[in-house]
C-alpha atoms as a PDB file:
ATOM      1  CA  UNK A   1      40.280 -11.505  -0.896  1.00  0.00           C
ATOM      2  CA  UNK A   2      42.709  -9.701  -3.366  1.00  0.00           C
ATOM      3  CA  UNK A   3      43.342 -13.069  -5.157  1.00  0.00           C
ATOM      4  CA  UNK A   4      39.637 -13.559  -5.675  1.00  0.00           C
ATOM      5  CA  UNK A   5      39.200 -10.116  -7.171  1.00  0.00           C
ATOM      6  CA  UNK A   6      42.028 -10.731  -9.601  1.00  0.00           C
ATOM      7  CA  UNK A   7      40.708 -14.099 -10.523  1.00  0.00           C
ATOM      8  CA  UNK A   8      37.197 -12.689 -11.302  1.00  0.00           C
ATOM      9  CA  UNK A   9      38.607  -9.837 -13.421  1.00  0.00           C
ATOM     10  CA  UNK A  10      40.630 -12.458 -15.441  1.00  0.00           C
ATOM     11  CA  UNK A  11      37.486 -14.580 -15.908  1.00  0.00           C
ATOM     12  CA  UNK A  12      35.112 -11.777 -16.878  1.00  0.00           C
ATOM     13  CA  UNK A  13      37.309  -9.425 -18.843  1.00  0.00           C
ATOM     14  CA  UNK A  14      38.137 -11.634 -21.842  1.00  0.00           C
ATOM     15  CA  UNK A  15      34.406 -12.593 -22.253  1.00  0.00           C
ATOM     16  CA  UNK A  16      33.405  -8.990 -22.546  1.00  0.00           C
ATOM     17  CA  UNK A  17      36.349  -8.210 -24.997  1.00  0.00           C
ATOM     18  CA  UNK A  18      35.392 -11.051 -27.372  1.00  0.00           C
ATOM     19  CA  UNK A  19      31.943  -9.632 -27.792  1.00  0.00           C
ATOM     20  CA  UNK A  20      33.444  -6.227 -28.689  1.00  0.00           C
ATOM     21  CA  UNK A  21      35.941  -7.174 -31.482  1.00  0.00           C
ATOM     22  CA  UNK A  22      35.158  -6.340 -35.026  1.00  0.00           C
ATOM     23  CA  UNK A  23      32.261  -7.983 -36.811  1.00  0.00           C
ATOM     24  CA  UNK A  24      32.766 -11.653 -37.580  1.00  0.00           C
ATOM     25  CA  UNK A  25      36.135 -11.717 -35.687  1.00  0.00           C
ATOM     26  CA  UNK A  26      36.997 -12.832 -32.119  1.00  0.00           C
ATOM     27  CA  UNK A  27      40.018 -12.857 -30.050  1.00  0.00           C
ATOM     28  CA  UNK A  28      41.771 -16.075 -29.235  1.00  0.00           C
ATOM     29  CA  UNK A  29      42.119 -16.019 -25.388  1.00  0.00           C
ATOM     30  CA  UNK A  30      45.318 -17.659 -24.062  1.00  0.00           C
ATOM     31  CA  UNK A  31      45.255 -19.741 -21.066  1.00  0.00           C
ATOM     32  CA  UNK A  32      46.744 -16.891 -18.972  1.00  0.00           C
ATOM     33  CA  UNK A  33      43.887 -14.510 -20.117  1.00  0.00           C
ATOM     34  CA  UNK A  34      45.742 -12.606 -22.767  1.00  0.00           C
ATOM     35  CA  UNK A  35      44.509 -11.758 -26.260  1.00  0.00           C
ATOM     36  CA  UNK A  36      47.178 -11.471 -28.939  1.00  0.00           C
ATOM     37  CA  UNK A  37      49.737 -10.924 -26.233  1.00  0.00           C
ATOM     38  CA  UNK A  38      47.738  -8.096 -24.492  1.00  0.00           C
ATOM     39  CA  UNK A  39      46.428  -8.263 -20.909  1.00  0.00           C
ATOM     40  CA  UNK A  40      42.780  -7.416 -19.971  1.00  0.00           C
ATOM     41  CA  UNK A  41      41.922  -3.993 -18.640  1.00  0.00           C
ATOM     42  CA  UNK A  42      38.568  -2.311 -17.790  1.00  0.00           C
ATOM     43  CA  UNK A  43      37.269   1.159 -18.404  1.00  0.00           C
ATOM     44  CA  UNK A  44      38.262   4.085 -16.124  1.00  0.00           C
ATOM     45  CA  UNK A  45      35.175   5.514 -14.376  1.00  0.00           C
ATOM     46  CA  UNK A  46      34.264   8.873 -16.007  1.00  0.00           C
ATOM     47  CA  UNK A  47      33.943  10.540 -12.456  1.00  0.00           C
ATOM     48  CA  UNK A  48      37.811  10.050 -12.110  1.00  0.00           C
ATOM     49  CA  UNK A  49      38.886  11.490 -15.458  1.00  0.00           C
ATOM     50  CA  UNK A  50      39.925  14.993 -16.199  1.00  0.00           C
ATOM     51  CA  UNK A  51      41.058  16.804 -19.378  1.00  0.00           C
ATOM     52  CA  UNK A  52      44.595  17.983 -19.764  1.00  0.00           C
ATOM     53  CA  UNK A  53      45.011  21.670 -20.782  1.00  0.00           C
ATOM     54  CA  UNK A  54      45.040  21.964 -24.439  1.00  0.00           C
ATOM     55  CA  UNK A  55      48.501  23.576 -24.585  1.00  0.00           C
ATOM     56  CA  UNK A  56      49.991  20.262 -23.621  1.00  0.00           C
ATOM     57  CA  UNK A  57      48.383  17.953 -26.193  1.00  0.00           C
ATOM     58  CA  UNK A  58      48.138  17.480 -29.820  1.00  0.00           C
ATOM     59  CA  UNK A  59      45.174  16.173 -31.783  1.00  0.00           C
ATOM     60  CA  UNK A  60      42.142  15.088 -29.725  1.00  0.00           C
ATOM     61  CA  UNK A  61      41.747  16.394 -26.065  1.00  0.00           C
ATOM     62  CA  UNK A  62      43.690  14.261 -23.705  1.00  0.00           C
ATOM     63  CA  UNK A  63      41.783  12.796 -20.917  1.00  0.00           C
ATOM     64  CA  UNK A  64      43.493  11.130 -17.985  1.00  0.00           C
ATOM     65  CA  UNK A  65      42.908   9.976 -14.326  1.00  0.00           C
ATOM     66  CA  UNK A  66      42.840  12.969 -12.022  1.00  0.00           C
ATOM     67  CA  UNK A  67      45.368  11.349  -9.772  1.00  0.00           C
ATOM     68  CA  UNK A  68      47.968  11.217 -12.590  1.00  0.00           C
ATOM     69  CA  UNK A  69      47.441  14.716 -13.754  1.00  0.00           C
ATOM     70  CA  UNK A  70      49.726  16.537 -11.240  1.00  0.00           C
ATOM     71  CA  UNK A  71      52.803  14.293 -11.931  1.00  0.00           C
ATOM     72  CA  UNK A  72      52.128  14.706 -15.769  1.00  0.00           C
ATOM     73  CA  UNK A  73      52.049  18.440 -15.578  1.00  0.00           C
ATOM     74  CA  UNK A  74      55.241  18.387 -13.501  1.00  0.00           C
ATOM     75  CA  UNK A  75      56.952  16.106 -16.128  1.00  0.00           C
ATOM     76  CA  UNK A  76      55.840  18.634 -18.905  1.00  0.00           C
ATOM     77  CA  UNK A  77      57.256  21.622 -16.952  1.00  0.00           C
ATOM     78  CA  UNK A  78      60.542  19.775 -16.312  1.00  0.00           C
ATOM     79  CA  UNK A  79      60.948  18.972 -19.923  1.00  0.00           C
ATOM     80  CA  UNK A  80      59.956  22.508 -20.916  1.00  0.00           C
ATOM     81  CA  UNK A  81      62.758  23.922 -18.792  1.00  0.00           C
ATOM     82  CA  UNK A  82      65.423  21.493 -19.947  1.00  0.00           C
ATOM     83  CA  UNK A  83      67.350  22.489 -23.211  1.00  0.00           C
ATOM     84  CA  UNK A  84      68.444  18.920 -23.702  1.00  0.00           C
ATOM     85  CA  UNK A  85      65.044  17.943 -24.775  1.00  0.00           C
ATOM     86  CA  UNK A  86      65.507  20.131 -27.968  1.00  0.00           C
ATOM     87  CA  UNK A  87      61.827  20.472 -28.634  1.00  0.00           C
ATOM     88  CA  UNK A  88      58.558  19.975 -26.740  1.00  0.00           C
ATOM     89  CA  UNK A  89      56.935  16.896 -25.344  1.00  0.00           C
ATOM     90  CA  UNK A  90      53.208  16.605 -25.853  1.00  0.00           C
ATOM     91  CA  UNK A  91      50.360  14.210 -25.105  1.00  0.00           C
ATOM     92  CA  UNK A  92      49.243  12.450 -28.250  1.00  0.00           C
ATOM     93  CA  UNK A  93      46.784   9.842 -27.099  1.00  0.00           C
ATOM     94  CA  UNK A  94      45.496   9.365 -23.523  1.00  0.00           C
ATOM     95  CA  UNK A  95      42.445   7.565 -22.157  1.00  0.00           C
ATOM     96  CA  UNK A  96      40.465   5.643 -24.674  1.00  0.00           C
ATOM     97  CA  UNK A  97      37.242   3.832 -23.652  1.00  0.00           C
ATOM     98  CA  UNK A  98      36.773   0.297 -24.824  1.00  0.00           C
ATOM     99  CA  UNK A  99      34.207   1.491 -27.180  1.00  0.00           C
ATOM    100  CA  UNK A 100      36.681   3.956 -28.508  1.00  0.00           C
ATOM    101  CA  UNK A 101      39.375   1.405 -28.706  1.00  0.00           C
ATOM    102  CA  UNK A 102      37.069  -0.964 -30.736  1.00  0.00           C
ATOM    103  CA  UNK A 103      36.699   1.843 -33.435  1.00  0.00           C
ATOM    104  CA  UNK A 104      40.458   2.234 -33.433  1.00  0.00           C
ATOM    105  CA  UNK A 105      41.176  -1.513 -33.579  1.00  0.00           C
ATOM    106  CA  UNK A 106      38.485  -2.232 -36.245  1.00  0.00           C
ATOM    107  CA  UNK A 107      39.709   0.721 -38.504  1.00  0.00           C
ATOM    108  CA  UNK A 108      41.693  -1.587 -40.840  1.00  0.00           C
ATOM    109  CA  UNK A 109      39.360  -4.530 -41.056  1.00  0.00           C
ATOM    110  CA  UNK A 110      41.025  -5.659 -44.264  1.00  0.00           C
ATOM    111  CA  UNK A 111      43.795  -7.197 -42.185  1.00  0.00           C
ATOM    112  CA  UNK A 112      43.335  -9.984 -39.587  1.00  0.00           C
ATOM    113  CA  UNK A 113      42.665  -9.118 -36.069  1.00  0.00           C
ATOM    114  CA  UNK A 114      45.984 -10.947 -35.146  1.00  0.00           C
ATOM    115  CA  UNK A 115      47.874  -8.623 -37.600  1.00  0.00           C
ATOM    116  CA  UNK A 116      46.290  -5.384 -36.250  1.00  0.00           C
ATOM    117  CA  UNK A 117      47.032  -6.515 -32.615  1.00  0.00           C
ATOM    118  CA  UNK A 118      50.798  -6.216 -33.307  1.00  0.00           C
ATOM    119  CA  UNK A 119      50.395  -2.478 -33.141  1.00  0.00           C
ATOM    120  CA  UNK A 120      46.948  -1.853 -31.651  1.00  0.00           C
ATOM    121  CA  UNK A 121      45.582  -3.601 -28.502  1.00  0.00           C
ATOM    122  CA  UNK A 122      42.131  -5.200 -28.949  1.00  0.00           C
ATOM    123  CA  UNK A 123      39.220  -3.519 -27.165  1.00  0.00           C
ATOM    124  CA  UNK A 124      39.185  -4.562 -23.357  1.00  0.00           C
ATOM    125  CA  UNK A 125      42.963  -5.149 -23.568  1.00  0.00           C
ATOM    126  CA  UNK A 126      44.576  -1.683 -23.850  1.00  0.00           C
ATOM    127  CA  UNK A 127      46.296   0.137 -21.104  1.00  0.00           C
ATOM    128  CA  UNK A 128      44.720   3.348 -22.446  1.00  0.00           C
ATOM    129  CA  UNK A 129      41.268   2.379 -21.271  1.00  0.00           C
ATOM    130  CA  UNK A 130      42.520   2.547 -17.595  1.00  0.00           C
ATOM    131  CA  UNK A 131      43.208   6.293 -17.866  1.00  0.00           C
ATOM    132  CA  UNK A 132      46.701   5.753 -16.481  1.00  0.00           C
ATOM    133  CA  UNK A 133      48.595   5.501 -19.763  1.00  0.00           C
ATOM    134  CA  UNK A 134      49.410   7.813 -22.629  1.00  0.00           C
ATOM    135  CA  UNK A 135      51.402   8.265 -25.815  1.00  0.00           C
ATOM    136  CA  UNK A 136      53.863  11.027 -26.106  1.00  0.00           C
ATOM    137  CA  UNK A 137      54.695  13.131 -29.155  1.00  0.00           C
ATOM    138  CA  UNK A 138      57.568  15.367 -29.939  1.00  0.00           C
ATOM    139  CA  UNK A 139      57.258  18.864 -31.437  1.00  0.00           C
ATOM    140  CA  UNK A 140      58.655  19.777 -33.827  1.00  0.00           C
ATOM    141  CA  UNK A 141      58.502  16.316 -35.336  1.00  0.00           C
ATOM    142  CA  UNK A 142      61.521  16.727 -37.484  1.00  0.00           C
ATOM    143  CA  UNK A 143      60.374  14.053 -40.003  1.00  0.00           C
ATOM    144  CA  UNK A 144      59.589  11.382 -37.453  1.00  0.00           C
ATOM    145  CA  UNK A 145      55.860  10.487 -37.659  1.00  0.00           C
ATOM    146  CA  UNK A 146      53.996  10.190 -34.349  1.00  0.00           C
ATOM    147  CA  UNK A 147      53.939   6.652 -32.853  1.00  0.00           C
ATOM    148  CA  UNK A 148      56.926   5.374 -34.788  1.00  0.00           C
ATOM    149  CA  UNK A 149      60.125   3.811 -33.536  1.00  0.00           C
ATOM    150  CA  UNK A 150      62.319   6.675 -34.861  1.00  0.00           C
ATOM    151  CA  UNK A 151      61.077   8.631 -31.880  1.00  0.00           C
ATOM    152  CA  UNK A 152      63.441   6.493 -29.678  1.00  0.00           C
ATOM    153  CA  UNK A 153      66.384   8.357 -31.347  1.00  0.00           C
ATOM    154  CA  UNK A 154      65.137  11.839 -30.371  1.00  0.00           C
ATOM    155  CA  UNK A 155      66.518  13.897 -27.601  1.00  0.00           C
ATOM    156  CA  UNK A 156      63.011  14.158 -26.154  1.00  0.00           C
ATOM    157  CA  UNK A 157      62.821  10.386 -26.021  1.00  0.00           C
ATOM    158  CA  UNK A 158      66.188  10.149 -24.338  1.00  0.00           C
ATOM    159  CA  UNK A 159      65.064  12.631 -21.807  1.00  0.00           C
ATOM    160  CA  UNK A 160      62.042  10.548 -21.019  1.00  0.00           C
ATOM    161  CA  UNK A 161      63.948   7.411 -20.316  1.00  0.00           C
ATOM    162  CA  UNK A 162      66.188   9.273 -17.917  1.00  0.00           C
ATOM    163  CA  UNK A 163      63.491  11.394 -16.150  1.00  0.00           C
ATOM    164  CA  UNK A 164      59.963  10.002 -16.546  1.00  0.00           C
ATOM    165  CA  UNK A 165      60.373   7.403 -13.694  1.00  0.00           C
ATOM    166  CA  UNK A 166      60.937  10.083 -11.178  1.00  0.00           C
ATOM    167  CA  UNK A 167      57.533  11.418 -12.104  1.00  0.00           C
ATOM    168  CA  UNK A 168      56.028   7.979 -11.740  1.00  0.00           C
ATOM    169  CA  UNK A 169      55.925   7.026 -15.494  1.00  0.00           C
ATOM    170  CA  UNK A 170      57.441   3.724 -16.825  1.00  0.00           C
ATOM    171  CA  UNK A 171      57.794   2.460 -20.396  1.00  0.00           C
ATOM    172  CA  UNK A 172      55.235  -0.446 -20.782  1.00  0.00           C
ATOM    173  CA  UNK A 173      56.477  -2.085 -23.904  1.00  0.00           C
ATOM    174  CA  UNK A 174      60.346  -1.958 -24.266  1.00  0.00           C
ATOM    175  CA  UNK A 175      62.181  -3.510 -27.065  1.00  0.00           C
ATOM    176  CA  UNK A 176      62.301  -7.262 -27.019  1.00  0.00           C
ATOM    177  CA  UNK A 177      59.623  -7.390 -24.179  1.00  0.00           C
ATOM    178  CA  UNK A 178      58.656 -10.981 -23.023  1.00  0.00           C
ATOM    179  CA  UNK A 179      54.965 -10.013 -23.509  1.00  0.00           C
ATOM    180  CA  UNK A 180      55.716  -9.933 -27.347  1.00  0.00           C
ATOM    181  CA  UNK A 181      54.077  -6.659 -27.839  1.00  0.00           C
ATOM    182  CA  UNK A 182      55.373  -4.157 -30.326  1.00  0.00           C
ATOM    183  CA  UNK A 183      58.114  -1.894 -29.004  1.00  0.00           C
ATOM    184  CA  UNK A 184      56.485   1.424 -28.248  1.00  0.00           C
ATOM    185  CA  UNK A 185      58.985   4.143 -26.943  1.00  0.00           C
ATOM    186  CA  UNK A 186      56.165   6.601 -27.069  1.00  0.00           C
ATOM    187  CA  UNK A 187      53.891   4.655 -24.792  1.00  0.00           C
ATOM    188  CA  UNK A 188      54.176   5.145 -20.879  1.00  0.00           C
ATOM    189  CA  UNK A 189      51.913   4.268 -17.954  1.00  0.00           C
ATOM    190  CA  UNK A 190      51.707   6.059 -14.591  1.00  0.00           C
ATOM    191  CA  UNK A 191      52.162   4.049 -11.373  1.00  0.00           C
ATOM    192  CA  UNK A 192      53.259   6.820  -9.111  1.00  0.00           C
ATOM    193  CA  UNK A 193      56.672   7.820  -8.054  1.00  0.00           C
ATOM    194  CA  UNK A 194      56.193   6.017  -4.652  1.00  0.00           C
ATOM    195  CA  UNK A 195      53.693   3.643  -3.419  1.00  0.00           C
ATOM    196  CA  UNK A 196      52.281   6.380  -0.922  1.00  0.00           C
ATOM    197  CA  UNK A 197      51.677   8.875  -3.629  1.00  0.00           C
ATOM    198  CA  UNK A 198      47.966   9.782  -4.128  1.00  0.00           C
ATOM    199  CA  UNK A 199      46.271   7.414  -6.459  1.00  0.00           C
ATOM    200  CA  UNK A 200      49.458   5.212  -6.795  1.00  0.00           C
ATOM    201  CA  UNK A 201      48.087   2.118  -4.937  1.00  0.00           C
ATOM    202  CA  UNK A 202      45.091   1.952  -7.281  1.00  0.00           C
ATOM    203  CA  UNK A 203      47.296   2.297 -10.395  1.00  0.00           C
ATOM    204  CA  UNK A 204      49.719  -0.173  -9.051  1.00  0.00           C
ATOM    205  CA  UNK A 205      46.996  -2.680  -8.464  1.00  0.00           C
ATOM    206  CA  UNK A 206      45.687  -2.244 -12.047  1.00  0.00           C
ATOM    207  CA  UNK A 207      49.061  -2.932 -13.483  1.00  0.00           C
ATOM    208  CA  UNK A 208      50.328  -5.431 -10.827  1.00  0.00           C
ATOM    209  CA  UNK A 209      50.211  -8.468 -13.237  1.00  0.00           C
ATOM    210  CA  UNK A 210      51.753  -6.679 -16.050  1.00  0.00           C
ATOM    211  CA  UNK A 211      54.602  -5.380 -13.873  1.00  0.00           C
ATOM    212  CA  UNK A 212      55.316  -8.637 -12.314  1.00  0.00           C
ATOM    213  CA  UNK A 213      55.358 -10.761 -15.383  1.00  0.00           C
ATOM    214  CA  UNK A 214      56.499  -8.165 -17.934  1.00  0.00           C
ATOM    215  CA  UNK A 215      58.589  -5.421 -16.244  1.00  0.00           C
ATOM    216  CA  UNK A 216      58.776  -2.107 -17.786  1.00  0.00           C
ATOM    217  CA  UNK A 217      62.036  -0.473 -19.027  1.00  0.00           C
ATOM    218  CA  UNK A 218      62.696   1.940 -17.706  1.00  0.00           C
ATOM    219  CA  UNK A 219      60.425   1.180 -14.806  1.00  0.00           C
ATOM    220  CA  UNK A 220      59.614   2.802 -11.384  1.00  0.00           C
ATOM    221  CA  UNK A 221      61.442   0.735  -8.828  1.00  0.00           C
ATOM    222  CA  UNK A 222      60.601   0.507  -5.212  1.00  0.00           C
ATOM    223  CA  UNK A 223      62.354   2.868  -3.086  1.00  0.00           C
ATOM    224  CA  UNK A 224      64.706   1.165  -0.639  1.00  0.00           C
ATOM    225  CA  UNK A 225      65.781   3.098   2.329  1.00  0.00           C
ATOM    226  CA  UNK A 226      68.983   1.984   3.777  1.00  0.00           C
ATOM    227  CA  UNK A 227      69.875   3.072   7.461  1.00  0.00           C
ATOM    228  CA  UNK A 228      73.487   3.136   8.538  1.00  0.00           C
ATOM    229  CA  UNK A 229      74.155   1.708  11.940  1.00  0.00           C
ATOM    230  CA  UNK A 230      75.589   4.442  14.284  1.00  0.00           C
ATOM    231  CA  UNK A 231      79.021   3.886  15.261  1.00  0.00           C
ATOM    232  CA  UNK A 232      79.474   2.063  18.655  1.00  0.00           C
ATOM    233  CA  UNK A 233      79.818   4.141  21.610  1.00  0.00           C
ATOM    234  CA  UNK A 234      83.221   4.191  23.072  1.00  0.00           C
ATOM    235  CA  UNK A 235      83.735   1.795  26.075  1.00  0.00           C
ATOM    236  CA  UNK A 236      83.725   3.777  29.125  1.00  0.00           C
ATOM    237  CA  UNK A 237      87.159   3.807  30.882  1.00  0.00           C
ATOM    238  CA  UNK A 238      87.242   3.526  34.656  1.00  0.00           C
ATOM    239  CA  UNK A 239      88.906   6.349  36.391  1.00  0.00           C
ATOM    240  CA  UNK A 240      92.362   5.587  37.936  1.00  0.00           C
ATOM    241  CA  UNK A 241      92.127   4.670  41.683  1.00  0.00           C
ATOM    242  CA  UNK A 242      92.628   7.798  43.916  1.00  0.00           C
ATOM    243  CA  UNK A 243      95.693   7.970  45.899  1.00  0.00           C
ATOM    244  CA  UNK A 244      95.313   9.635  49.294  1.00  0.00           C
ATOM    245  CA  UNK A 245      98.099  11.922  50.457  1.00  0.00           C
ATOM    246  CA  UNK A 246      99.600  11.255  53.729  1.00  0.00           C
ATOM    247  CA  UNK A 247      99.210  14.120  56.075  1.00  0.00           C
ATOM    248  CA  UNK A 248     102.442  15.538  57.392  1.00  0.00           C
ATOM    249  CA  UNK A 249     102.847  15.560  61.021  1.00  0.00           C
END
């Protein structure tokens, strides 16, 4: 049943995305369902979205899946309390509907769709539309513009690499990724720190294909619990035979 659902998504999603590209432009869909290297994703239901408190975001309000919010808030609190961050981590861009992604993608219509897709996913092919992905920013920026590779050299970005996976976040597009998507050290998706975390099964289903074909780095790895075998019990020693004492007469 699961395989049929995945196949249906792959068949339908690219068709919808083609209709939503910029006027006069269409996406070339690869045999594996990708458009310009990006995998297809649907919109997050509005009923499952919540707004991050404004003190944790910059720019537009940050909207994310409700299941992701507790881990995101814990991540911000941990970063706030760690002097090695040397600044503040903030949410820059969170959930974007397919309609919103279209306006972002078509902003620079003077260039080709393929050129724009190097740094911006086409509508219907962005992890942001799922509500499980966001871009981080650092404040103060110290001369590094938002959503630029120079972020990777900041203490805050190094902190994310070391700590974000324990809050369920993984870096979707590491440098040299096999998906051939631009390296984005600011872009992270949530899949839950464990498969049993609330909402994690759904998030992991959404990103199952991406995680299987193009692993994140750093990524959230499955927890392997190893049990040590208890030491063997000592072999019982038989008591020595009793020697009866002869009675004196």
